[in-house]
């Protein structure tokens, strides 16, 4: 293995960012942590109270959250109401922000 642990983490973050897994806010959080401390260790590993919640969920998680079936989730994706990320050809992840936007649109209607 080449490079330090921080360098490997940075490369992993860059790959996940390119795949669309991280949102802009998380990218800026990571960039700020790296700029201020020079490593990810002080901001993530030493601070045990920091909990990182991924900004995406699976089809089944979205289905359970919205209390609907898989077909309804795919219909919402097809209509452009929910946004998806496909890190590979077999996995579809739903952006949690799009689920929140959908729920807020239902509340206002």
Foldseek 3Di string as FASTA:
>chain_A
DDDDPQVVVVVVVVLCVVQVFDDPVVVVVQVVCCVPPVGCCVVPVVPPVDDDDTQWAFLVVLCVVVVHDSVVVVVCVVVVQWDWGDSDPPGIITGNVSSVVVVVVVVVD
